[in-house]
């Protein structure tokens, strides 16, 4: 999980495809295992959200669209859990 965070957060060291895969992987893990994420490592949820926010402002349109879509999926999932 920590290596995926590093790959997703890197700016120019890895390819766009690797960043997309890492961001998608992290958001799916958070969506499916939210309680594991909150208990396992402090601040991982916030780190994933910050990575998605930066991805939404990236110059590459693909990363921007994927990041926004993943944030909406997380929002939908967390809202369904509470509702």
N, C-alpha and C. Protein backbone atom coordinates (compact mmCIF):
# COMPACT_ATOMS: atom_id res chain seq x y z
N UNK A 1 0.82 -1.18 0.00
CA UNK A 1 0.00 0.00 0.00
C UNK A 1 0.87 1.25 0.00
N UNK A 2 1.92 1.24 0.79
CA UNK A 2 2.78 2.43 0.86
C UNK A 2 3.50 2.67 -0.46
N UNK A 3 3.88 1.60 -1.15
CA UNK A 3 4.54 1.80 -2.45
C UNK A 3 3.56 2.36 -3.46
N UNK A 4 2.30 1.98 -3.38
CA UNK A 4 1.28 2.55 -4.27
C UNK A 4 1.07 4.03 -3.98
N UNK A 5 1.14 4.41 -2.72
CA UNK A 5 1.05 5.83 -2.37
C UNK A 5 2.20 6.62 -2.98
N UNK A 6 3.40 6.06 -2.92
CA UNK A 6 4.56 6.75 -3.49
C UNK A 6 4.43 6.90 -4.99
N UNK A 7 3.98 5.84 -5.66
CA UNK A 7 3.83 5.89 -7.13
C UNK A 7 2.73 6.88 -7.50
N UNK A 8 1.62 6.85 -6.80
CA UNK A 8 0.51 7.74 -7.11
C UNK A 8 0.87 9.20 -6.85
N UNK A 9 1.75 9.43 -5.91
CA UNK A 9 2.10 10.80 -5.53
C UNK A 9 3.27 11.36 -6.34
N UNK A 10 3.96 10.52 -7.10
CA UNK A 10 5.13 11.00 -7.84
C UNK A 10 4.71 11.89 -8.99
N UNK A 11 5.55 12.83 -9.31
CA UNK A 11 5.22 13.80 -10.35
C UNK A 11 5.77 13.40 -11.71
N UNK A 12 7.06 13.13 -11.82
CA UNK A 12 7.62 12.84 -13.12
C UNK A 12 8.47 11.59 -13.16
N UNK A 13 8.60 10.90 -12.04
CA UNK A 13 9.47 9.74 -11.97
C UNK A 13 8.85 8.49 -12.58
N UNK A 14 7.54 8.39 -12.61
CA UNK A 14 6.85 7.21 -13.15
C UNK A 14 5.95 7.62 -14.31
N UNK A 15 5.52 6.63 -15.05
CA UNK A 15 4.66 6.91 -16.20
C UNK A 15 3.25 7.26 -15.75
N UNK A 16 2.51 7.86 -16.65
CA UNK A 16 1.12 8.22 -16.36
C UNK A 16 0.29 6.97 -16.09
N UNK A 17 0.53 5.90 -16.85
CA UNK A 17 -0.22 4.66 -16.64
C UNK A 17 -0.01 4.10 -15.25
N UNK A 18 1.23 4.15 -14.76
CA UNK A 18 1.51 3.66 -13.41
C UNK A 18 0.80 4.50 -12.36
N UNK A 19 0.78 5.81 -12.56
CA UNK A 19 0.06 6.68 -11.62
C UNK A 19 -1.43 6.38 -11.62
N UNK A 20 -2.00 6.20 -12.81
CA UNK A 20 -3.43 5.91 -12.91
C UNK A 20 -3.78 4.60 -12.22
N UNK A 21 -2.96 3.59 -12.43
CA UNK A 21 -3.21 2.29 -11.78
C UNK A 21 -3.12 2.43 -10.27
N UNK A 22 -2.12 3.13 -9.78
CA UNK A 22 -1.94 3.29 -8.33
C UNK A 22 -3.08 4.07 -7.70
N UNK A 23 -3.49 5.15 -8.33
CA UNK A 23 -4.59 5.96 -7.80
C UNK A 23 -5.89 5.15 -7.78
N UNK A 24 -6.14 4.41 -8.85
CA UNK A 24 -7.35 3.58 -8.92
C UNK A 24 -7.31 2.48 -7.87
N UNK A 25 -6.17 1.83 -7.72
CA UNK A 25 -6.01 0.78 -6.72
C UNK A 25 -6.27 1.30 -5.31
N UNK A 26 -5.66 2.43 -4.98
CA UNK A 26 -5.82 3.00 -3.64
C UNK A 26 -7.27 3.39 -3.36
N UNK A 27 -7.93 3.97 -4.33
CA UNK A 27 -9.32 4.38 -4.09
C UNK A 27 -10.24 3.18 -3.97
N UNK A 28 -9.98 2.11 -4.73
CA UNK A 28 -10.80 0.91 -4.60
C UNK A 28 -10.59 0.24 -3.24
N UNK A 29 -9.35 0.19 -2.79
CA UNK A 29 -9.09 -0.37 -1.46
C UNK A 29 -9.82 0.44 -0.39
N UNK A 30 -9.75 1.76 -0.50
CA UNK A 30 -10.41 2.63 0.48
C UNK A 30 -11.92 2.45 0.42
N UNK A 31 -12.45 2.30 -0.77
CA UNK A 31 -13.89 2.15 -0.94
C UNK A 31 -14.37 0.82 -0.36
N UNK A 32 -13.63 -0.25 -0.59
CA UNK A 32 -14.07 -1.58 -0.15
C UNK A 32 -13.71 -1.87 1.30
N UNK A 33 -12.61 -1.33 1.78
CA UNK A 33 -12.14 -1.63 3.13
C UNK A 33 -11.87 -0.35 3.91
N UNK A 34 -12.86 0.48 4.04
CA UNK A 34 -12.70 1.79 4.69
C UNK A 34 -12.25 1.64 6.14
N UNK A 35 -12.80 0.68 6.86
CA UNK A 35 -12.41 0.50 8.26
C UNK A 35 -10.97 0.03 8.38
N UNK A 36 -10.50 -0.78 7.43
CA UNK A 36 -9.10 -1.21 7.43
C UNK A 36 -8.17 -0.03 7.19
N UNK A 37 -8.54 0.83 6.26
CA UNK A 37 -7.72 2.00 5.94
C UNK A 37 -7.63 2.93 7.14
N UNK A 38 -8.75 3.15 7.82
CA UNK A 38 -8.73 4.09 8.95
C UNK A 38 -7.97 3.55 10.15
N UNK A 39 -7.93 2.22 10.30
CA UNK A 39 -7.28 1.64 11.46
C UNK A 39 -5.83 1.24 11.22
N UNK A 40 -5.47 0.90 9.99
CA UNK A 40 -4.16 0.33 9.73
C UNK A 40 -3.03 1.35 9.84
N UNK A 41 -3.10 2.40 9.06
CA UNK A 41 -2.02 3.38 9.02
C UNK A 41 -2.63 4.76 9.20
N UNK A 42 -2.10 5.52 10.12
CA UNK A 42 -2.62 6.86 10.38
C UNK A 42 -2.43 7.76 9.17
N UNK A 43 -3.46 8.45 8.77
CA UNK A 43 -3.37 9.45 7.73
C UNK A 43 -3.43 8.93 6.30
N UNK A 44 -3.65 7.64 6.11
CA UNK A 44 -3.68 7.11 4.75
C UNK A 44 -4.88 7.64 3.98
N UNK A 45 -6.02 7.71 4.62
CA UNK A 45 -7.21 8.25 3.95
C UNK A 45 -6.99 9.68 3.48
N UNK A 46 -6.42 10.48 4.35
CA UNK A 46 -6.13 11.87 3.98
C UNK A 46 -5.10 11.94 2.86
N UNK A 47 -4.11 11.06 2.91
CA UNK A 47 -3.08 11.05 1.86
C UNK A 47 -3.69 10.68 0.51
N UNK A 48 -4.58 9.69 0.50
CA UNK A 48 -5.24 9.30 -0.75
C UNK A 48 -6.08 10.45 -1.28
N UNK A 49 -6.82 11.09 -0.40
CA UNK A 49 -7.65 12.22 -0.82
C UNK A 49 -6.80 13.36 -1.37
N UNK A 50 -5.68 13.65 -0.73
CA UNK A 50 -4.79 14.71 -1.22
C UNK A 50 -4.20 14.36 -2.59
N UNK A 51 -3.86 13.10 -2.80
CA UNK A 51 -3.35 12.66 -4.10
C UNK A 51 -4.42 12.82 -5.16
N UNK A 52 -5.66 12.46 -4.83
CA UNK A 52 -6.76 12.62 -5.79
C UNK A 52 -7.01 14.09 -6.10
N UNK A 53 -6.92 14.94 -5.10
CA UNK A 53 -7.12 16.38 -5.33
C UNK A 53 -6.04 16.94 -6.26
N UNK A 54 -4.78 16.55 -6.01
CA UNK A 54 -3.70 17.01 -6.90
C UNK A 54 -3.88 16.46 -8.30
N UNK A 55 -4.34 15.20 -8.39
CA UNK A 55 -4.58 14.61 -9.71
C UNK A 55 -5.68 15.33 -10.46
N UNK A 56 -6.67 15.84 -9.74
CA UNK A 56 -7.77 16.57 -10.38
C UNK A 56 -7.30 17.90 -10.95
N UNK A 57 -6.18 18.42 -10.46
CA UNK A 57 -5.64 19.69 -10.96
C UNK A 57 -4.45 19.50 -11.89
N UNK A 58 -4.16 18.25 -12.25
CA UNK A 58 -2.99 17.96 -13.08
C UNK A 58 -3.20 18.48 -14.51
N UNK A 59 -2.11 18.71 -15.19
CA UNK A 59 -2.18 19.21 -16.57
C UNK A 59 -2.64 18.13 -17.55
N UNK A 60 -2.38 16.88 -17.20
CA UNK A 60 -2.80 15.78 -18.08
C UNK A 60 -4.28 15.49 -17.86
N UNK A 61 -5.03 15.60 -18.93
CA UNK A 61 -6.49 15.50 -18.86
C UNK A 61 -6.94 14.12 -18.39
N UNK A 62 -6.23 13.09 -18.77
CA UNK A 62 -6.60 11.73 -18.37
C UNK A 62 -6.56 11.59 -16.86
N UNK A 63 -5.49 12.04 -16.25
CA UNK A 63 -5.37 11.96 -14.79
C UNK A 63 -6.41 12.82 -14.10
N UNK A 64 -6.73 13.96 -14.67
CA UNK A 64 -7.74 14.85 -14.11
C UNK A 64 -9.11 14.16 -14.09
N UNK A 65 -9.49 13.59 -15.21
CA UNK A 65 -10.81 12.95 -15.31
C UNK A 65 -10.90 11.74 -14.40
N UNK A 66 -9.87 10.91 -14.38
CA UNK A 66 -9.89 9.72 -13.53
C UNK A 66 -9.93 10.11 -12.06
N UNK A 67 -9.17 11.10 -11.66
CA UNK A 67 -9.16 11.53 -10.26
C UNK A 67 -10.53 12.05 -9.82
N UNK A 68 -11.15 12.86 -10.65
CA UNK A 68 -12.48 13.38 -10.31
C UNK A 68 -13.50 12.25 -10.24
N UNK A 69 -13.43 11.33 -11.18
CA UNK A 69 -14.36 10.19 -11.17
C UNK A 69 -14.18 9.36 -9.90
N UNK A 70 -12.94 9.12 -9.50
CA UNK A 70 -12.70 8.33 -8.30
C UNK A 70 -13.17 9.05 -7.04
N UNK A 71 -13.03 10.35 -7.00
CA UNK A 71 -13.54 11.10 -5.84
C UNK A 71 -15.06 10.99 -5.76
N UNK A 72 -15.74 11.05 -6.90
CA UNK A 72 -17.19 10.90 -6.89
C UNK A 72 -17.61 9.49 -6.48
N UNK A 73 -16.87 8.49 -6.92
CA UNK A 73 -17.18 7.12 -6.51
C UNK A 73 -17.01 6.94 -5.00
N UNK A 74 -15.94 7.52 -4.46
CA UNK A 74 -15.75 7.44 -3.00
C UNK A 74 -16.86 8.16 -2.26
N UNK A 75 -17.24 9.33 -2.76
CA UNK A 75 -18.32 10.07 -2.13
C UNK A 75 -19.61 9.27 -2.16
N UNK A 76 -19.93 8.68 -3.28
CA UNK A 76 -21.13 7.87 -3.40
C UNK A 76 -21.10 6.68 -2.45
N UNK A 77 -19.96 6.03 -2.37
CA UNK A 77 -19.83 4.86 -1.50
C UNK A 77 -19.97 5.23 -0.03
N UNK A 78 -19.30 6.30 0.39
CA UNK A 78 -19.38 6.70 1.79
C UNK A 78 -20.76 7.23 2.16
N UNK A 79 -21.42 7.89 1.23
CA UNK A 79 -22.77 8.38 1.48
C UNK A 79 -23.74 7.22 1.62
N UNK A 80 -23.57 6.19 0.82
CA UNK A 80 -24.44 5.00 0.91
C UNK A 80 -24.25 4.27 2.23
N UNK A 81 -23.03 4.25 2.73
CA UNK A 81 -22.77 3.60 4.02
C UNK A 81 -23.45 4.32 5.17
N UNK A 82 -23.50 5.64 5.10
CA UNK A 82 -24.11 6.42 6.18
C UNK A 82 -25.62 6.50 6.07
N UNK A 83 -26.12 6.36 4.85
CA UNK A 83 -27.55 6.54 4.61
C UNK A 83 -28.31 5.33 4.78
